[in-house]
Amino acid sequence: MYNAFIRMNKIKNFESLSVTPARRHLLSIAEAGLQAVDTQDFFKKNLSLIGNTLSVDGKTFKLPGDGRVIIVAVGKSSTQAGIALEKILGSQLSAGIILDTDIQEDPAILTPYRGTHPFPSDANRKATKEIITLLQSLSEKDFVIFVISGGGSVLLSQSDAPISQEVGIIKELFKKGATIQELNTVRKHLSLARGGFLAQYAHPARSLALILSDVPGNDISFIASGPTVKDATTIRDAQEVLNKYEIAEMFSTLSFIETPKEEKYFKNIANILFLSNTIALKAMEEKARELRLFPRIITDALSGEASEVGKHIAQAIKGLPPGSVLLYGGETTVTFADVKGAGGRNQELALSALVHLDSASALLSLASDGQDNNLHAGALADLSSLKKAQELGLYPETYLTSHDSFPFWEKTHDFISTGATGSNISDLVIAIKS
């Protein structure tokens, strides 16, 4: 049986938040989910190398005896994945690159680059250029192991256009509440390193892409904007997203990039959905049962406006019997038009739930990467949160209207603190009825 208490180092303020049995249950369940998707542990458990045969997900891949084995790891899980792969491959590994937003540990062989998120920068472009140069140096004798994880869209920035142009487009789409699929449709056509371009550069070498999903629905062509996957979208699709949100005129001089469509670039690559939030949800379900609760996984593709989702979940848990636990994975959005405070979708979801929860219910929402648009991973909402807010003269509705959830939870001290987890498999939401 999975034991979430082997390492209690994910939620840093676990003990200070555990002031009620319901809170301890919520935090224990969340901890189980985070531990289950610990990147290094997951790679060690689910990859094996015997001789020159790499086994993954029931498939085997022969590593070359007379060529190079290269790693290219991109996204918020890439440092931990790269370090795990170094240990697994040992002397078989020749070289490689890690491009991450936070280099938590120094790899032994791979060259690490630190990039920015949620917007691209010169650092992202410089590191992406190094990746392209490495891939273009390969021959049919070589083998590439890609690790593609959330955050990769922003990191894989490569274009002749000013960076400010992409920043402006993405900011506008954020404001309008565009979905991750819509955002990444546009992003694919703004960079020469997304939408299948990495597979093109690696050709004719054989390649394996281990894909770690942070996208609801787990469509691998949208995870990190699908850099190793043949892209089905076109420039026209990207343009239609801008038209839908009425921002096309703001970027009338924009020149979109068409993604590679030739089948030959994708014949030598195996794309595997390696890790997703279903692993976390199953571990959370198991932990809840261990606590003698009655869990139900509602969805692994949660979406919608954060404030509406929070209200819906709070109302759903109200009508259930004591001991009920509802589990969700996915990614909501926050549409803020011209009003934007500080906070992320998880903190807003929790704040909205706080308004609608009854005295016997509680909810926790967190970003699995540990950063809900700021230093906190999310927040925990229950009756004690509401009482603290009332004592401090805080009105949740006011903070919701201004999308200013971060200072609210800072004042009540009900934020979730994990730091960068090195994992990124979407957001996790738990509701419980005492």
Protein backbone atom coordinates (compact mmCIF):
# COMPACT_ATOMS: atom_id res chain seq x y z
CA MET A 1 0.00 0.00 0.00
CA TYR A 2 1.18 3.52 -0.83
CA ASN A 3 2.41 5.35 2.26
CA ALA A 4 2.38 9.13 1.97
CA PHE A 5 4.34 9.53 5.19
CA ILE A 6 7.60 8.06 3.94
CA ARG A 7 8.73 11.62 3.28
CA MET A 8 6.69 14.49 4.65
CA ASN A 9 8.67 17.15 2.89
CA LYS A 10 6.31 18.34 0.16
CA ILE A 11 3.84 20.50 2.10
CA LYS A 12 6.15 22.57 4.27
CA ASN A 13 3.47 24.04 6.53
CA PHE A 14 1.62 20.74 6.99
CA GLU A 15 1.71 20.80 10.80
CA SER A 16 0.80 24.47 11.27
CA LEU A 17 -2.25 24.03 9.04
CA SER A 18 -3.41 20.78 10.70
CA VAL A 19 -5.54 22.38 13.41
CA THR A 20 -8.59 20.16 12.84
CA PRO A 21 -9.07 16.50 11.90
CA ALA A 22 -10.61 17.51 8.56
CA ARG A 23 -7.62 19.69 7.74
CA ARG A 24 -5.17 16.92 8.61
CA HIS A 25 -7.09 14.57 6.35
CA LEU A 26 -7.05 17.06 3.48
CA LEU A 27 -3.34 17.68 3.86
CA SER A 28 -2.53 13.97 4.20
CA ILE A 29 -4.45 13.22 0.99
CA ALA A 30 -2.76 16.08 -0.86
CA GLU A 31 0.64 14.94 0.39
CA ALA A 32 -0.04 11.44 -0.93
CA GLY A 33 -0.80 12.88 -4.35
CA LEU A 34 2.37 14.96 -4.45
CA GLN A 35 4.55 12.09 -3.27
CA ALA A 36 3.10 9.77 -5.91
CA VAL A 37 4.23 12.08 -8.70
CA ASP A 38 7.66 12.87 -7.30
CA THR A 39 9.60 12.99 -10.57
CA GLN A 40 12.81 11.27 -9.53
CA ASP A 41 11.01 8.49 -7.68
CA PHE A 42 8.60 7.91 -10.55
CA PHE A 43 11.39 7.68 -13.13
CA LYS A 44 13.37 5.25 -10.98
CA LYS A 45 10.32 3.03 -10.48
CA ASN A 46 9.10 3.03 -14.07
CA LEU A 47 12.27 2.97 -16.18
CA SER A 48 14.87 0.22 -16.28
CA LEU A 49 18.03 -0.44 -18.25
CA ILE A 50 19.37 -3.96 -18.78
CA GLY A 51 22.44 -4.00 -20.98
CA ASN A 52 21.59 -1.59 -23.74
CA THR A 53 17.81 -2.16 -23.57
CA LEU A 54 15.71 0.57 -22.00
CA SER A 55 12.27 -0.54 -20.80
CA VAL A 56 9.41 1.90 -20.29
CA ASP A 57 5.65 1.49 -20.20
CA GLY A 58 5.83 -2.09 -21.51
CA LYS A 59 7.97 -1.06 -24.47
CA THR A 60 11.67 -1.63 -25.06
CA PHE A 61 14.20 0.54 -26.86
CA LYS A 62 17.67 -0.56 -27.95
CA LEU A 63 20.29 2.05 -27.23
CA PRO A 64 22.99 2.40 -29.90
CA GLY A 65 26.31 0.65 -29.48
CA ASP A 66 28.12 2.91 -31.93
CA GLY A 67 26.26 6.19 -31.49
CA ARG A 68 25.50 8.77 -28.85
CA VAL A 69 22.67 8.74 -26.28
CA ILE A 70 21.46 12.30 -25.70
CA ILE A 71 18.95 13.72 -23.22
CA VAL A 72 16.92 16.86 -23.88
CA ALA A 73 14.69 17.64 -20.90
CA VAL A 74 12.42 20.70 -20.97
CA GLY A 75 9.86 21.98 -18.47
CA LYS A 76 9.27 22.28 -14.73
CA SER A 77 10.00 18.58 -14.15
CA SER A 78 13.13 18.46 -16.29
CA THR A 79 15.82 18.85 -13.64
CA GLN A 80 14.50 16.01 -11.50
CA ALA A 81 13.84 13.84 -14.56
CA GLY A 82 17.29 14.53 -15.98
CA ILE A 83 19.04 13.64 -12.75
CA ALA A 84 17.06 10.40 -12.50
CA LEU A 85 17.91 9.51 -16.10
CA GLU A 86 21.60 10.17 -15.48
CA LYS A 87 21.55 7.54 -12.74
CA ILE A 88 19.55 5.05 -14.81
CA LEU A 89 21.64 5.36 -17.98
CA GLY A 90 25.04 5.61 -16.31
CA SER A 91 27.89 5.24 -18.80
CA GLN A 92 25.46 4.86 -21.70
CA LEU A 93 24.71 8.60 -21.54
CA SER A 94 26.84 10.86 -23.73
CA ALA A 95 25.53 14.37 -23.05
CA GLY A 96 22.41 16.50 -22.98
CA ILE A 97 20.61 19.63 -21.89
CA ILE A 98 18.14 20.50 -19.16
CA LEU A 99 15.97 23.61 -19.58
CA ASP A 100 13.97 24.33 -16.42
CA THR A 101 12.53 27.28 -14.54
CA ASP A 102 14.31 26.26 -11.35
CA ILE A 103 17.50 24.17 -11.24
CA GLN A 104 16.92 22.48 -7.89
CA GLU A 105 20.01 20.25 -8.10
CA ASP A 106 23.11 20.27 -10.26
CA PRO A 107 23.18 17.36 -12.72
CA ALA A 108 26.38 15.36 -13.09
CA ILE A 109 26.57 15.20 -16.89
CA LEU A 110 23.76 17.23 -18.42
CA THR A 111 24.16 20.95 -19.04
CA PRO A 112 21.48 22.92 -17.14
CA TYR A 113 19.87 26.16 -18.31
CA ARG A 114 17.51 28.25 -16.24
CA GLY A 115 14.65 29.91 -18.10
CA THR A 116 11.73 32.15 -17.22
CA HIS A 117 8.01 31.47 -16.81
CA PRO A 118 5.17 32.40 -17.51
CA PHE A 119 6.67 34.65 -20.19
CA PRO A 120 9.62 34.02 -22.52
CA SER A 121 12.93 35.86 -22.28
CA ASP A 122 16.36 36.12 -23.90
CA ALA A 123 17.52 33.36 -21.53
CA ASN A 124 14.84 31.03 -22.91
CA ARG A 125 15.85 31.79 -26.48
CA LYS A 126 19.53 31.27 -25.80
CA ALA A 127 18.93 27.88 -24.15
CA THR A 128 16.51 26.80 -26.88
CA LYS A 129 19.10 27.64 -29.51
CA GLU A 130 21.58 25.36 -27.71
CA ILE A 131 19.01 22.55 -27.81
CA ILE A 132 18.43 23.03 -31.54
CA THR A 133 22.16 23.06 -32.25
CA LEU A 134 22.65 19.83 -30.28
CA LEU A 135 19.78 18.06 -32.04
CA GLN A 136 20.92 19.15 -35.48
CA SER A 137 24.33 17.56 -34.81
CA LEU A 138 22.84 14.07 -34.52
CA SER A 139 23.00 11.26 -37.07
CA GLU A 140 20.98 8.11 -37.68
CA LYS A 141 23.34 6.29 -35.28
CA ASP A 142 22.28 8.41 -32.29
CA PHE A 143 19.40 8.12 -29.83
CA VAL A 144 17.58 10.99 -28.09
CA ILE A 145 15.55 10.75 -24.90
CA PHE A 146 13.29 13.77 -24.60
CA VAL A 147 11.54 14.68 -21.37
CA ILE A 148 8.67 17.07 -22.06
CA SER A 149 6.79 18.62 -19.14
CA GLY A 150 4.58 21.56 -18.28
CA GLY A 151 6.20 24.96 -18.65
CA GLY A 152 7.97 23.81 -21.80
CA SER A 153 5.85 26.02 -24.03
CA VAL A 154 7.29 29.20 -22.57
CA LEU A 155 10.81 27.81 -22.24
CA LEU A 156 11.04 26.70 -25.90
CA SER A 157 11.12 30.21 -27.31
CA GLN A 158 12.70 30.62 -30.74
CA SER A 159 11.70 33.32 -33.22
CA ASP A 160 13.04 36.35 -35.02
CA ALA A 161 10.11 38.39 -33.72
CA PRO A 162 10.57 40.60 -30.64
CA ILE A 163 9.94 38.75 -27.38
CA SER A 164 7.59 41.54 -26.39
CA GLN A 165 5.20 40.46 -29.15
CA GLU A 166 4.63 37.00 -27.69
CA VAL A 167 4.47 38.41 -24.17
CA GLY A 168 1.77 40.83 -25.28
CA ILE A 169 -0.31 38.15 -26.99
CA ILE A 170 -0.15 35.73 -24.06
CA LYS A 171 -0.97 38.46 -21.54
CA GLU A 172 -4.08 39.34 -23.53
CA LEU A 173 -5.14 35.70 -23.77
CA PHE A 174 -4.60 35.28 -20.02
CA LYS A 175 -6.85 38.28 -19.41
CA LYS A 176 -9.56 36.83 -21.64
CA GLY A 177 -9.50 33.45 -19.88
CA ALA A 178 -8.29 31.41 -22.85
CA THR A 179 -7.93 27.68 -22.26
CA ILE A 180 -4.54 25.99 -22.22
CA GLN A 181 -5.40 24.37 -25.56
CA GLU A 182 -6.10 27.78 -27.08
CA LEU A 183 -2.98 29.31 -25.57
CA ASN A 184 -0.82 26.50 -26.87
CA THR A 185 -2.41 26.58 -30.32
CA VAL A 186 -1.14 30.14 -30.57
CA ARG A 187 2.21 29.34 -28.95
CA LYS A 188 2.90 26.52 -31.42
CA HIS A 189 2.89 29.07 -34.23
CA LEU A 190 5.10 31.59 -32.43
CA SER A 191 8.25 29.46 -32.04
CA LEU A 192 10.56 27.32 -34.13
CA ALA A 193 10.88 24.87 -31.23
CA ARG A 194 7.27 23.90 -30.51
CA GLY A 195 4.64 22.00 -32.47
CA GLY A 196 6.90 19.16 -33.63
CA PHE A 197 10.01 21.19 -34.38
CA LEU A 198 12.23 19.29 -31.91
CA ALA A 199 11.35 16.03 -33.66
CA GLN A 200 12.32 17.61 -36.98
CA TYR A 201 15.69 18.75 -35.63
CA ALA A 202 16.41 15.31 -34.13
CA HIS A 203 15.70 13.50 -37.43
CA PRO A 204 17.18 11.10 -38.58
CA ALA A 205 18.19 9.95 -35.07
CA ARG A 206 15.83 7.61 -33.21
CA SER A 207 14.00 9.31 -30.36
CA LEU A 208 11.88 8.56 -27.31
CA ALA A 209 9.80 11.32 -25.74
CA LEU A 210 8.63 10.82 -22.16
CA ILE A 211 5.76 13.26 -21.73
CA LEU A 212 4.57 14.47 -18.32
CA SER A 213 1.12 15.99 -18.63
CA ASP A 214 -0.17 19.16 -17.02
CA VAL A 215 -2.96 19.56 -19.61
CA PRO A 216 -6.56 18.50 -18.88
CA GLY A 217 -7.41 15.58 -21.15
CA ASN A 218 -3.73 14.64 -21.64
CA ASP A 219 -3.59 15.43 -25.37
CA ILE A 220 0.16 15.10 -25.93
CA SER A 221 0.07 17.51 -28.86
CA PHE A 222 -0.76 20.33 -26.42
CA ILE A 223 1.53 19.42 -23.50
CA ALA A 224 4.35 22.00 -23.63
CA SER A 225 2.90 22.84 -27.08
CA GLY A 226 3.86 19.40 -28.42
CA PRO A 227 7.51 19.94 -29.46
CA THR A 228 7.98 16.27 -30.41
CA VAL A 229 4.48 15.56 -31.77
CA LYS A 230 3.16 16.10 -35.30
CA ASP A 231 0.94 19.16 -35.06
CA ALA A 232 -2.62 19.06 -36.43
CA THR A 233 -3.19 22.80 -35.96
CA THR A 234 -2.37 25.44 -38.56
CA ILE A 235 -1.67 29.14 -38.74
CA ARG A 236 -5.36 29.60 -39.45
CA ASP A 237 -6.27 27.91 -36.15
CA ALA A 238 -3.95 30.24 -34.26
CA GLN A 239 -5.43 33.24 -36.02
CA GLU A 240 -8.94 32.08 -35.13
CA VAL A 241 -8.02 32.09 -31.43
CA LEU A 242 -6.99 35.74 -31.70
CA ASN A 243 -10.21 36.48 -33.59
CA LYS A 244 -12.31 34.70 -30.96
CA TYR A 245 -10.93 36.90 -28.20
CA GLU A 246 -11.02 40.03 -30.37
CA ILE A 247 -7.32 40.79 -30.15
CA ALA A 248 -6.30 40.13 -33.77
CA GLU A 249 -6.21 43.84 -34.63
CA MET A 250 -3.82 44.49 -31.75
CA PHE A 251 -1.29 42.17 -33.43
CA SER A 252 -2.01 42.82 -37.09
CA THR A 253 1.70 42.82 -38.00
CA LEU A 254 2.24 39.36 -36.48
CA SER A 255 3.70 36.65 -38.72
CA PHE A 256 2.78 33.19 -37.49
CA ILE A 257 5.09 30.20 -38.12
CA GLU A 258 3.76 27.01 -39.73
CA THR A 259 4.69 23.81 -37.90
CA PRO A 260 6.34 20.78 -39.57
CA LYS A 261 3.83 18.57 -41.38
CA GLU A 262 6.09 16.08 -43.20
CA GLU A 263 5.55 12.57 -41.86
CA LYS A 264 9.23 11.60 -42.20
CA TYR A 265 10.19 13.74 -39.20
CA PHE A 266 7.95 11.68 -36.91
CA LYS A 267 8.68 8.13 -38.07
CA ASN A 268 11.66 7.63 -35.76
CA ILE A 269 10.14 9.02 -32.56
CA ALA A 270 8.02 7.27 -29.92
CA ASN A 271 5.91 9.68 -27.89
CA ILE A 272 4.77 8.17 -24.57
CA LEU A 273 2.40 9.76 -22.07
CA PHE A 274 4.55 8.82 -19.10
CA LEU A 275 3.02 10.64 -16.12
CA SER A 276 -0.26 12.46 -15.54
CA ASN A 277 -2.51 13.53 -12.69
CA THR A 278 -4.28 10.16 -12.71
CA ILE A 279 -1.31 8.80 -10.75
CA ALA A 280 -1.79 11.48 -8.10
CA LEU A 281 -5.56 11.02 -8.01
CA LYS A 282 -5.27 7.26 -7.48
CA ALA A 283 -2.75 7.76 -4.67
CA MET A 284 -5.05 10.35 -3.08
CA GLU A 285 -7.99 7.98 -3.36
CA GLU A 286 -5.97 5.22 -1.70
CA LYS A 287 -4.85 7.52 1.10
CA ALA A 288 -8.42 8.65 1.77
CA ARG A 289 -9.53 5.03 2.07
CA GLU A 290 -6.63 4.36 4.43
CA LEU A 291 -8.04 7.19 6.57
CA ARG A 292 -11.42 5.39 6.59
CA LEU A 293 -13.02 7.99 4.35
CA PHE A 294 -15.17 7.54 1.24
CA PRO A 295 -13.38 9.08 -1.74
CA ARG A 296 -14.56 9.54 -5.32
CA ILE A 297 -12.45 10.73 -8.24
CA ILE A 298 -14.73 13.14 -10.10
CA THR A 299 -12.49 14.11 -13.02
CA ASP A 300 -8.89 14.34 -14.16
CA ALA A 301 -9.82 17.10 -16.63
CA LEU A 302 -11.24 19.85 -14.42
CA SER A 303 -11.69 23.13 -16.27
CA GLY A 304 -13.77 26.31 -16.18
CA GLU A 305 -13.66 29.65 -14.41
CA ALA A 306 -11.93 29.18 -11.05
CA SER A 307 -14.53 31.09 -9.05
CA GLU A 308 -17.41 29.14 -10.60
CA VAL A 309 -15.64 25.81 -10.12
CA GLY A 310 -14.97 26.62 -6.46
CA LYS A 311 -18.64 27.45 -5.93
CA HIS A 312 -19.76 24.26 -7.71
CA ILE A 313 -17.47 21.99 -5.66
CA ALA A 314 -18.50 23.65 -2.39
CA GLN A 315 -22.14 23.05 -3.23
CA ALA A 316 -21.46 19.45 -4.32
CA ILE A 317 -19.78 18.46 -1.05
CA LYS A 318 -22.58 20.00 1.05
CA GLY A 319 -25.15 17.39 0.14
CA LEU A 320 -22.93 14.36 0.79
CA PRO A 321 -22.74 12.21 3.96
CA PRO A 322 -19.95 12.66 6.51
CA GLY A 323 -16.63 11.14 5.46
CA SER A 324 -17.16 11.89 1.78
CA VAL A 325 -14.16 13.08 -0.22
CA LEU A 326 -14.28 14.48 -3.76
CA LEU A 327 -11.09 14.48 -5.85
CA TYR A 328 -10.34 16.56 -8.92
CA GLY A 329 -7.38 17.14 -11.24
CA GLY A 330 -7.13 19.68 -14.02
CA GLU A 331 -6.67 23.37 -14.65
CA THR A 332 -9.15 26.20 -14.26
CA THR A 333 -8.87 29.74 -15.59
CA VAL A 334 -9.25 33.25 -14.21
CA THR A 335 -10.78 35.88 -16.48
CA PHE A 336 -9.83 39.24 -15.06
CA ALA A 337 -10.47 41.78 -17.84
CA ASP A 338 -9.12 45.09 -16.53
CA VAL A 339 -9.01 44.09 -12.85
CA LYS A 340 -6.22 41.87 -11.61
CA GLY A 341 -4.89 41.50 -8.11
CA ALA A 342 -2.29 39.04 -6.86
CA GLY A 343 -3.05 35.36 -6.76
CA GLY A 344 -3.50 32.25 -8.85
CA ARG A 345 -6.36 30.04 -9.98
CA ASN A 346 -6.03 27.67 -7.00
CA GLN A 347 -6.18 30.44 -4.44
CA GLU A 348 -9.14 31.99 -6.25
CA LEU A 349 -10.92 28.63 -6.43
CA ALA A 350 -10.43 28.13 -2.69
CA LEU A 351 -11.58 31.68 -1.93
CA SER A 352 -14.74 31.19 -3.95
CA ALA A 353 -15.39 27.88 -2.19
CA LEU A 354 -14.96 29.61 1.19
CA VAL A 355 -18.01 31.76 0.46
CA HIS A 356 -20.18 28.70 -0.24
CA LEU A 357 -18.89 25.95 2.08
CA ASP A 358 -21.01 24.91 5.05
CA SER A 359 -19.54 24.49 8.54
CA ALA A 360 -18.94 20.75 8.06
CA SER A 361 -17.04 21.02 4.76
CA ALA A 362 -13.52 21.96 3.77
CA LEU A 363 -11.59 22.31 0.51
CA LEU A 364 -7.95 22.38 -0.55
CA SER A 365 -6.70 23.44 -3.98
CA LEU A 366 -3.06 23.48 -5.04
CA ALA A 367 -0.75 23.63 -8.03
CA SER A 368 1.32 20.46 -8.26
CA ASP A 369 4.42 22.44 -9.27
CA GLY A 370 4.14 24.42 -6.03
CA GLN A 371 3.65 27.81 -7.67
CA ASP A 372 0.13 29.11 -8.08
CA ASN A 373 1.22 32.23 -9.95
CA ASN A 374 3.25 33.20 -6.88
CA LEU A 375 5.25 31.69 -4.03
CA HIS A 376 2.33 29.66 -2.66
CA ALA A 377 0.96 26.42 -4.09
CA GLY A 378 -2.65 27.10 -3.18
CA ALA A 379 -4.93 27.44 -0.17
CA LEU A 380 -7.15 25.59 2.32
CA ALA A 381 -10.68 26.84 2.98
CA ASP A 382 -12.95 25.89 5.89
CA LEU A 383 -14.91 27.34 8.80
CA SER A 384 -11.75 28.28 10.71
CA SER A 385 -10.55 30.21 7.65
CA LEU A 386 -13.81 32.11 7.58
CA LYS A 387 -13.67 32.85 11.30
CA LYS A 388 -10.13 34.24 10.99
CA ALA A 389 -11.23 36.39 8.06
CA GLN A 390 -14.13 37.78 10.08
CA GLU A 391 -11.86 38.55 13.02
CA LEU A 392 -9.50 40.41 10.67
CA GLY A 393 -12.32 42.29 8.96
CA LEU A 394 -11.70 40.57 5.62
CA TYR A 395 -14.53 40.09 3.16
CA PRO A 396 -13.91 37.20 0.74
CA GLU A 397 -16.31 38.64 -1.84
CA THR A 398 -14.28 41.85 -2.08
CA TYR A 399 -11.06 39.96 -2.72
CA LEU A 400 -12.82 37.76 -5.29
CA THR A 401 -14.10 40.76 -7.21
CA SER A 402 -10.57 42.13 -7.56
CA HIS A 403 -9.01 38.67 -8.12
CA ASP A 404 -6.79 39.40 -5.12
CA SER A 405 -6.72 36.03 -3.40
CA PHE A 406 -3.02 36.02 -2.49
CA PRO A 407 -3.17 38.77 0.19
CA PHE A 408 -6.35 37.27 1.62
CA TRP A 409 -4.72 33.89 2.28
CA GLU A 410 -1.53 35.61 3.42
CA LYS A 411 -3.53 37.35 6.15
CA THR A 412 -5.40 34.23 7.29
CA HIS A 413 -2.24 32.08 6.99
CA ASP A 414 -4.20 29.35 5.20
CA PHE A 415 -2.00 29.20 2.12
CA ILE A 416 -0.27 25.95 1.08
CA SER A 417 3.53 26.19 0.99
CA THR A 418 5.60 23.60 -0.87
CA GLY A 419 8.22 25.54 -2.79
CA ALA A 420 9.09 24.25 -6.25
CA THR A 421 8.17 20.56 -6.20
CA GLY A 422 10.02 19.54 -9.37
CA SER A 423 6.75 17.98 -10.57
CA ASN A 424 4.00 19.45 -12.74
CA ILE A 425 0.89 17.37 -13.42
CA SER A 426 -1.86 20.05 -13.25
CA ASP A 427 -3.77 21.30 -10.22
CA LEU A 428 -5.29 19.08 -7.52
CA VAL A 429 -8.49 19.87 -5.66
CA ILE A 430 -9.88 17.98 -2.65
CA ALA A 431 -13.19 18.57 -0.85
CA ILE A 432 -14.19 16.78 2.35
CA LYS A 433 -17.30 16.52 4.48
CA SER A 434 -16.69 16.02 8.21
